[in-house]
């Protein structure tokens, strides 16, 4: 990319101590994309950390590339690139880092905090090396360990992660997977921030063999999730139960929209299932949806925020038996379920026959509060940059 025309835009940064670098972030086009990164950043700032965030927003656009800087609602700095061949830039983070290294106009930060291995993690590592700055990396991506094991991306990813003074996975099981690929790399789990203020504990006890049973599922229905969030299993499981127990009014409610919704609506209709599609909602809005149980069929999960939200509200959870949940999801909190619609039908039937209530004091949800996460980040920065006197 050259420096002529629109591409000569300069970065309006002011001096900062910490610079977060991310491609995953909410935007006008994708308001529900990775709000957990914004929540962690705001938590750090609330703890007194002098941090700015750079959102590198790369998306499809015209033949002639357009690039420019803007500010976000919370003061984020947004570098926006629109180009027909946007994927070329997105999958070449070195080009983005090269452009930033040339055009960054403000004083350099003391520490760069990269978010997610690809692509921002590589961009952040390049900048840290170019400016000779301390690097910290937070990993939110469940596929990061697999990418680190691969050939091309694994080579560069392991080098980038190896530069970090500490890697911060958001969950214990992700930390375990990353450690298997990066032995010796310092790691500390810093969980996602969860705003549970709207999820008031209000269990609605389900009667055994109830004549009406409501199943809730929460997931974005985007193509990227098709082979991870297997919503079809929940629908097909209810179809099986309708045949086993036709006297029961089995109902399905889904929160979360996207391009896949139409095909799932068709599937529910072909099954003859009573299904309600509520679409995308603001964080926490689904807390008021009435249900007997949350069903969460997924092949992989980094954190499982929706599961914790349901439990905080007092809603039992039936979730896939994956590492994110296998160590702790047991009655009276929920049930682990094997893959496939038959397994989910059996689990739903088991809960319908013998329902249980989630206890109010079952979890230490305080560790997910913004204040607690902010304190953790503040201490990490202070240990790495003692001369700054955090």
Protein backbone atom coordinates (compact mmCIF):
# COMPACT_ATOMS: atom_id res chain seq x y z
CA UNK A 1 0.00 0.00 0.00
CA UNK A 2 1.39 3.37 -0.95
CA UNK A 3 1.23 6.67 0.95
CA UNK A 4 -0.52 8.77 -1.67
CA UNK A 5 -4.08 10.04 -1.58
CA UNK A 6 -6.30 8.80 1.23
CA UNK A 7 -3.59 6.44 2.42
CA UNK A 8 -1.46 9.31 3.70
CA UNK A 9 -3.75 9.87 6.70
CA UNK A 10 -1.79 10.39 9.93
CA UNK A 11 -2.52 8.89 13.31
CA UNK A 12 -3.84 11.50 15.80
CA UNK A 13 -2.72 9.62 18.94
CA UNK A 14 -1.77 11.51 22.03
CA UNK A 15 0.77 10.10 24.48
CA UNK A 16 -0.30 6.88 26.21
CA UNK A 17 1.38 4.34 28.46
CA UNK A 18 -0.54 1.26 27.37
CA UNK A 19 -1.81 0.61 23.86
CA UNK A 20 -4.33 -2.18 23.21
CA UNK A 21 -4.28 -3.45 19.62
CA UNK A 22 -7.21 -5.43 18.27
CA UNK A 23 -9.09 -6.34 15.08
CA UNK A 24 -11.94 -7.95 17.01
CA UNK A 25 -14.14 -5.15 18.31
CA UNK A 26 -17.71 -3.83 18.04
CA UNK A 27 -18.32 -1.53 15.08
CA UNK A 28 -21.21 0.12 13.28
CA UNK A 29 -21.41 -2.84 10.89
CA UNK A 30 -20.98 -5.46 13.65
CA UNK A 31 -22.18 -3.99 16.96
CA UNK A 32 -22.14 -7.39 18.72
CA UNK A 33 -18.64 -8.40 17.64
CA UNK A 34 -16.36 -9.20 20.59
CA UNK A 35 -17.80 -6.83 23.23
CA UNK A 36 -15.73 -8.72 25.81
CA UNK A 37 -12.56 -7.00 24.57
CA UNK A 38 -14.12 -3.59 25.08
CA UNK A 39 -15.31 -4.64 28.53
CA UNK A 40 -11.81 -5.73 29.60
CA UNK A 41 -10.25 -2.52 28.29
CA UNK A 42 -12.78 -0.32 30.08
CA UNK A 43 -12.19 -2.35 33.25
CA UNK A 44 -8.46 -1.61 33.04
CA UNK A 45 -9.13 2.08 32.57
CA UNK A 46 -11.55 2.11 35.49
CA UNK A 47 -8.75 0.67 37.62
CA UNK A 48 -6.61 3.71 36.86
CA UNK A 49 -4.59 2.34 33.94
CA UNK A 50 -3.63 4.95 31.36
CA UNK A 51 -4.59 2.93 28.28
CA UNK A 52 -5.83 3.66 24.80
CA UNK A 53 -7.27 1.13 22.39
CA UNK A 54 -6.59 0.87 18.68
CA UNK A 55 -9.27 -0.89 16.66
CA UNK A 56 -7.94 -1.94 13.25
CA UNK A 57 -11.15 -2.26 11.26
CA UNK A 58 -10.53 -3.94 7.90
CA UNK A 59 -13.55 -4.56 5.68
CA UNK A 60 -14.67 -4.93 2.10
CA UNK A 61 -14.80 -1.69 0.09
CA UNK A 62 -14.01 -0.09 -3.27
CA UNK A 63 -11.28 -0.97 -5.75
CA UNK A 64 -9.29 2.07 -4.67
CA UNK A 65 -8.52 1.54 -0.98
CA UNK A 66 -9.76 4.05 1.56
CA UNK A 67 -8.09 4.54 4.90
CA UNK A 68 -8.74 6.96 7.70
CA UNK A 69 -8.75 7.57 11.44
CA UNK A 70 -11.70 8.23 13.74
CA UNK A 71 -12.66 8.08 17.40
CA UNK A 72 -15.09 5.65 19.00
CA UNK A 73 -17.81 6.17 21.58
CA UNK A 74 -15.42 5.43 24.45
CA UNK A 75 -12.46 7.27 22.96
CA UNK A 76 -11.09 4.36 20.96
CA UNK A 77 -8.81 5.14 18.06
CA UNK A 78 -10.11 3.47 14.92
CA UNK A 79 -7.94 2.80 11.88
CA UNK A 80 -10.43 1.87 9.16
CA UNK A 81 -9.37 0.29 5.88
CA UNK A 82 -11.91 -0.36 3.14
CA UNK A 83 -10.75 -2.27 0.08
CA UNK A 84 -12.12 -4.84 -2.35
CA UNK A 85 -9.29 -7.21 -1.46
CA UNK A 86 -9.62 -6.64 2.27
CA UNK A 87 -8.86 -10.28 3.08
CA UNK A 88 -5.36 -9.85 1.68
CA UNK A 89 -4.67 -7.12 4.22
CA UNK A 90 -6.45 -8.92 7.05
CA UNK A 91 -4.36 -12.05 6.55
CA UNK A 92 -1.11 -10.08 6.22
CA UNK A 93 -0.87 -8.33 9.60
CA UNK A 94 2.68 -7.30 8.85
CA UNK A 95 1.36 -4.81 6.28
CA UNK A 96 -0.91 -3.25 8.89
CA UNK A 97 1.98 -3.09 11.36
CA UNK A 98 4.26 -1.58 8.71
CA UNK A 99 1.71 1.13 8.01
CA UNK A 100 1.26 1.87 11.71
CA UNK A 101 5.01 1.98 12.29
CA UNK A 102 5.38 4.57 9.51
CA UNK A 103 2.40 6.76 10.30
CA UNK A 104 2.13 6.70 14.09
CA UNK A 105 2.37 10.36 15.02
CA UNK A 106 2.23 10.34 18.83
CA UNK A 107 4.67 9.37 21.60
CA UNK A 108 5.23 5.65 21.79
CA UNK A 109 3.50 3.62 24.54
CA UNK A 110 5.48 1.88 27.26
CA UNK A 111 3.61 -1.37 26.71
CA UNK A 112 1.64 -2.87 23.85
CA UNK A 113 -1.22 -5.23 24.68
CA UNK A 114 -2.26 -7.41 21.73
CA UNK A 115 -5.67 -9.04 21.56
CA UNK A 116 -6.23 -12.41 19.80
CA UNK A 117 -3.48 -14.24 17.93
CA UNK A 118 -4.68 -13.56 14.38
CA UNK A 119 -4.27 -10.98 13.11
CA UNK A 120 -3.83 -8.35 15.85
CA UNK A 121 -1.49 -10.48 17.94
CA UNK A 122 1.05 -10.52 15.13
CA UNK A 123 0.55 -6.81 14.45
CA UNK A 124 1.15 -6.00 18.12
CA UNK A 125 4.27 -8.18 18.26
CA UNK A 126 5.73 -6.46 15.19
CA UNK A 127 5.11 -3.01 16.71
CA UNK A 128 6.61 -4.05 20.05
CA UNK A 129 9.73 -5.29 18.29
CA UNK A 130 9.96 -2.22 16.02
CA UNK A 131 9.59 0.20 18.94
CA UNK A 132 11.43 -1.99 21.48
CA UNK A 133 8.48 -2.01 23.84
CA UNK A 134 7.09 -4.49 26.37
CA UNK A 135 4.50 -6.87 24.88
CA UNK A 136 1.54 -8.49 26.64
CA UNK A 137 -0.94 -10.75 24.87
CA UNK A 138 -4.52 -11.67 25.75
CA UNK A 139 -6.02 -14.70 24.02
CA UNK A 140 -9.78 -14.99 23.57
CA UNK A 141 -9.79 -17.33 20.55
CA UNK A 142 -10.61 -20.99 21.07
CA UNK A 143 -8.78 -21.91 17.85
CA UNK A 144 -5.51 -20.19 18.80
CA UNK A 145 -3.83 -23.41 20.07
CA UNK A 146 -4.62 -25.19 16.80
CA UNK A 147 -3.27 -22.28 14.75
CA UNK A 148 -0.10 -22.29 16.84
CA UNK A 149 0.39 -25.96 15.99
CA UNK A 150 0.02 -25.35 12.24
CA UNK A 151 2.89 -24.76 9.85
CA UNK A 152 2.78 -21.21 8.48
CA UNK A 153 0.73 -19.39 11.12
CA UNK A 154 2.17 -21.55 13.86
CA UNK A 155 5.72 -20.46 13.06
CA UNK A 156 4.92 -16.75 13.22
CA UNK A 157 2.40 -17.14 16.02
CA UNK A 158 4.85 -18.94 18.31
CA UNK A 159 7.45 -16.26 17.66
CA UNK A 160 4.94 -13.52 18.48
CA UNK A 161 3.72 -15.25 21.64
CA UNK A 162 7.31 -15.91 22.65
CA UNK A 163 7.97 -12.17 22.68
CA UNK A 164 5.22 -11.53 25.23
CA UNK A 165 6.28 -11.01 28.83
CA UNK A 166 3.05 -12.74 29.81
CA UNK A 167 0.14 -14.35 27.95
CA UNK A 168 -3.32 -13.85 29.46
CA UNK A 169 -5.83 -16.57 28.43
CA UNK A 170 -9.40 -15.85 29.48
CA UNK A 171 -10.07 -19.35 30.83
CA UNK A 172 -8.24 -22.19 32.56
CA UNK A 173 -8.79 -24.71 29.79
CA UNK A 174 -7.50 -22.27 27.15
CA UNK A 175 -4.42 -21.68 29.32
CA UNK A 176 -3.85 -25.44 29.47
CA UNK A 177 -4.11 -25.76 25.68
CA UNK A 178 -1.78 -22.82 25.08
CA UNK A 179 0.78 -24.15 27.56
CA UNK A 180 0.94 -27.42 25.64
CA UNK A 181 2.04 -25.47 22.56
CA UNK A 182 4.10 -22.79 24.34
CA UNK A 183 5.86 -24.56 27.24
CA UNK A 184 7.72 -22.14 29.45
CA UNK A 185 5.72 -19.08 28.38
CA UNK A 186 4.46 -17.17 31.45
CA UNK A 187 0.68 -17.33 31.62
CA UNK A 188 -1.96 -15.90 33.91
CA UNK A 189 -5.71 -16.37 33.49
CA UNK A 190 -7.61 -13.07 33.39
CA UNK A 191 -11.29 -13.82 32.74
CA UNK A 192 -13.70 -11.89 30.61
CA UNK A 193 -15.66 -9.14 32.28
CA UNK A 194 -19.31 -9.98 32.83
CA UNK A 195 -22.00 -7.42 33.56
CA UNK A 196 -24.48 -9.55 35.49
CA UNK A 197 -26.51 -6.63 36.82
CA UNK A 198 -29.47 -7.56 34.59
CA UNK A 199 -29.36 -11.25 35.41
CA UNK A 200 -31.21 -11.23 38.72
CA UNK A 201 -31.57 -14.54 40.48
CA UNK A 202 -35.16 -15.63 39.96
CA UNK A 203 -35.44 -19.39 39.46
CA UNK A 204 -38.73 -20.66 38.14
CA UNK A 205 -38.94 -24.24 39.44
CA UNK A 206 -39.99 -26.69 36.75
CA UNK A 207 -42.45 -29.34 37.83
CA UNK A 208 -41.60 -32.96 36.99
CA UNK A 209 -43.27 -34.06 33.74
CA UNK A 210 -44.61 -30.56 33.09
CA UNK A 211 -47.15 -30.30 30.27
CA UNK A 212 -45.39 -27.21 28.91
CA UNK A 213 -41.60 -27.08 28.58
CA UNK A 214 -39.63 -24.07 27.28
CA UNK A 215 -36.11 -24.43 25.93
CA UNK A 216 -33.88 -21.38 25.43
CA UNK A 217 -30.78 -21.14 23.24
CA UNK A 218 -28.50 -18.12 22.80
CA UNK A 219 -26.05 -17.93 19.88
CA UNK A 220 -25.24 -15.74 16.91
CA UNK A 221 -26.49 -17.40 13.72
CA UNK A 222 -23.57 -16.46 11.49
CA UNK A 223 -21.88 -18.73 8.91
CA UNK A 224 -18.66 -18.77 10.93
CA UNK A 225 -20.53 -20.49 13.76
CA UNK A 226 -22.22 -23.13 11.62
CA UNK A 227 -19.78 -25.90 12.51
CA UNK A 228 -19.28 -24.77 16.14
CA UNK A 229 -22.65 -23.70 17.56
CA UNK A 230 -24.81 -26.60 16.43
CA UNK A 231 -28.27 -25.12 16.94
CA UNK A 232 -29.72 -27.91 14.79
CA UNK A 233 -29.12 -30.38 17.62
CA UNK A 234 -31.45 -28.46 19.93
CA UNK A 235 -34.20 -28.25 17.30
CA UNK A 236 -33.90 -31.90 16.29
CA UNK A 237 -33.80 -32.98 19.95
CA UNK A 238 -37.14 -31.27 20.54
CA UNK A 239 -38.49 -32.96 17.43
CA UNK A 240 -37.52 -36.31 18.95
CA UNK A 241 -39.20 -35.42 22.24
CA UNK A 242 -42.39 -34.43 20.46
CA UNK A 243 -42.61 -37.98 19.18
CA UNK A 244 -41.76 -39.51 22.56
CA UNK A 245 -44.14 -37.28 24.53
CA UNK A 246 -46.75 -35.76 22.21
CA UNK A 247 -48.84 -34.72 25.21
CA UNK A 248 -46.24 -32.06 26.12
CA UNK A 249 -46.08 -28.59 24.54
CA UNK A 250 -42.38 -28.41 23.68
CA UNK A 251 -41.35 -24.81 22.88
CA UNK A 252 -38.09 -23.38 21.58
CA UNK A 253 -36.89 -19.78 21.95
CA UNK A 254 -33.72 -18.51 20.29
CA UNK A 255 -31.84 -15.29 21.05
CA UNK A 256 -29.33 -14.24 18.41
CA UNK A 257 -29.71 -13.54 14.72
CA UNK A 258 -27.77 -13.81 11.52
CA UNK A 259 -27.81 -15.21 7.98
CA UNK A 260 -28.43 -18.77 9.20
CA UNK A 261 -31.72 -17.94 10.85
CA UNK A 262 -33.83 -18.62 7.76
CA UNK A 263 -32.54 -22.17 7.28
CA UNK A 264 -33.06 -22.91 10.98
CA UNK A 265 -36.59 -21.51 10.82
CA UNK A 266 -37.25 -23.88 7.92
CA UNK A 267 -35.86 -26.79 9.93
CA UNK A 268 -38.10 -25.98 12.91
CA UNK A 269 -41.11 -25.69 10.62
CA UNK A 270 -40.35 -29.04 8.97
CA UNK A 271 -40.21 -30.63 12.42
CA UNK A 272 -43.49 -29.00 13.38
CA UNK A 273 -41.85 -27.29 16.34
CA UNK A 274 -43.15 -24.19 18.08
CA UNK A 275 -40.13 -21.88 17.74
CA UNK A 276 -39.69 -18.18 18.47
CA UNK A 277 -36.76 -16.21 17.04
CA UNK A 278 -35.92 -13.06 18.98
CA UNK A 279 -32.89 -11.97 16.94
CA UNK A 280 -29.88 -10.04 18.22
CA UNK A 281 -30.38 -8.15 21.44
CA UNK A 282 -28.38 -5.79 23.60
CA UNK A 283 -26.16 -7.55 26.16
CA UNK A 284 -28.28 -8.75 29.07
CA UNK A 285 -31.62 -8.21 27.34
CA UNK A 286 -32.32 -11.94 27.10
CA UNK A 287 -32.32 -12.18 30.92
CA UNK A 288 -36.08 -11.58 30.87
CA UNK A 289 -36.88 -14.41 28.45
CA UNK A 290 -38.97 -17.08 30.17
CA UNK A 291 -37.56 -20.61 29.97
CA UNK A 292 -37.16 -23.83 31.92
CA UNK A 293 -33.64 -24.58 30.77
CA UNK A 294 -30.84 -23.18 28.62
CA UNK A 295 -29.53 -25.57 25.96
CA UNK A 296 -26.04 -24.83 24.66
CA UNK A 297 -24.91 -27.26 21.92
CA UNK A 298 -21.39 -26.34 20.86
CA UNK A 299 -18.27 -28.15 19.74
CA UNK A 300 -15.92 -25.58 21.22
CA UNK A 301 -16.00 -22.69 23.64
CA UNK A 302 -13.35 -20.38 25.02
CA UNK A 303 -15.26 -18.96 27.96
CA UNK A 304 -18.98 -19.73 27.77
CA UNK A 305 -20.33 -16.39 28.93
CA UNK A 306 -23.95 -17.25 28.19
CA UNK A 307 -23.72 -20.28 30.47
CA UNK A 308 -22.55 -18.19 33.43
CA UNK A 309 -25.24 -15.60 32.72
CA UNK A 310 -27.92 -18.28 32.80
CA UNK A 311 -26.65 -19.72 36.08
CA UNK A 312 -26.49 -16.27 37.68
CA UNK A 313 -30.15 -15.89 36.78
CA UNK A 314 -30.93 -19.31 38.23
CA UNK A 315 -31.55 -21.08 34.93
CA UNK A 316 -30.22 -24.68 34.64
CA UNK A 317 -27.96 -25.40 31.67
CA UNK A 318 -27.62 -28.40 29.37
CA UNK A 319 -24.34 -27.93 27.53
CA UNK A 320 -22.03 -29.96 25.33
CA UNK A 321 -19.40 -31.99 27.16
CA UNK A 322 -16.37 -29.90 26.16
CA UNK A 323 -13.33 -28.72 28.19
CA UNK A 324 -14.91 -25.35 28.99
CA UNK A 325 -17.60 -27.07 31.08
CA UNK A 326 -16.51 -30.65 31.75
CA UNK A 327 -14.73 -29.92 35.04
CA UNK A 328 -17.64 -28.26 36.81
CA UNK A 329 -21.05 -28.42 35.09
CA UNK A 330 -22.96 -30.92 37.20
CA UNK A 331 -26.35 -30.98 38.97
CA UNK A 332 -27.70 -28.78 40.46
CA UNK A 333 -26.19 -26.42 37.90
CA UNK A 334 -26.69 -28.41 34.75
CA UNK A 335 -25.92 -31.50 32.70
CA UNK A 336 -23.11 -32.35 30.32
CA UNK A 337 -24.35 -33.72 27.02
CA UNK A 338 -22.64 -35.83 24.36
CA UNK A 339 -22.71 -34.78 20.71
CA UNK A 340 -25.81 -35.18 18.59
CA UNK A 341 -29.56 -34.55 18.74
CA UNK A 342 -30.34 -37.93 20.37
CA UNK A 343 -28.03 -37.13 23.27
CA UNK A 344 -29.63 -33.71 23.76
CA UNK A 345 -33.08 -35.28 23.57
CA UNK A 346 -32.09 -37.77 26.29
CA UNK A 347 -30.66 -35.01 28.49
CA UNK A 348 -33.74 -32.83 28.07
CA UNK A 349 -35.96 -35.77 28.87
CA UNK A 350 -33.89 -36.52 31.98
CA UNK A 351 -34.25 -32.95 33.18
CA UNK A 352 -37.96 -32.89 32.32
CA UNK A 353 -38.50 -36.01 34.42
CA UNK A 354 -36.29 -34.87 37.32
CA UNK A 355 -35.78 -31.08 37.22
CA UNK A 356 -33.52 -29.30 39.69
CA UNK A 357 -33.04 -25.68 40.81
CA UNK A 358 -29.77 -23.75 40.59
CA UNK A 359 -28.62 -22.54 44.05
CA UNK A 360 -28.09 -18.81 44.40
CA UNK A 361 -24.63 -19.05 46.01
CA UNK A 362 -23.22 -21.77 43.78
CA UNK A 363 -20.50 -19.72 42.09
CA UNK A 364 -18.04 -16.96 42.86
CA UNK A 365 -19.27 -14.56 40.19
CA UNK A 366 -17.31 -11.70 41.76
CA UNK A 367 -14.17 -12.75 39.85
CA UNK A 368 -15.90 -11.70 36.61
CA UNK A 369 -16.76 -8.19 37.80
CA UNK A 370 -15.12 -5.26 36.04
CA UNK A 371 -13.51 -4.04 39.26
CA UNK A 372 -11.81 -7.39 39.91
CA UNK A 373 -10.61 -7.86 36.32
CA UNK A 374 -9.36 -4.27 36.21
CA UNK A 375 -7.33 -4.83 39.39
CA UNK A 376 -5.71 -7.91 37.86
CA UNK A 377 -4.70 -6.03 34.72
CA UNK A 378 -3.44 -3.06 36.73
CA UNK A 379 -1.19 -5.33 38.80
CA UNK A 380 0.18 -7.09 35.73
CA UNK A 381 1.12 -3.76 34.15
CA UNK A 382 2.62 -2.53 37.43
CA UNK A 383 4.80 -5.63 37.73
CA UNK A 384 6.05 -5.22 34.15
CA UNK A 385 6.51 -1.45 34.29
CA UNK A 386 7.48 -0.65 37.89
CA UNK A 387 9.23 2.54 36.81
CA UNK A 388 5.85 4.04 35.84
CA UNK A 389 4.63 3.91 39.44
CA UNK A 390 1.16 2.45 38.86
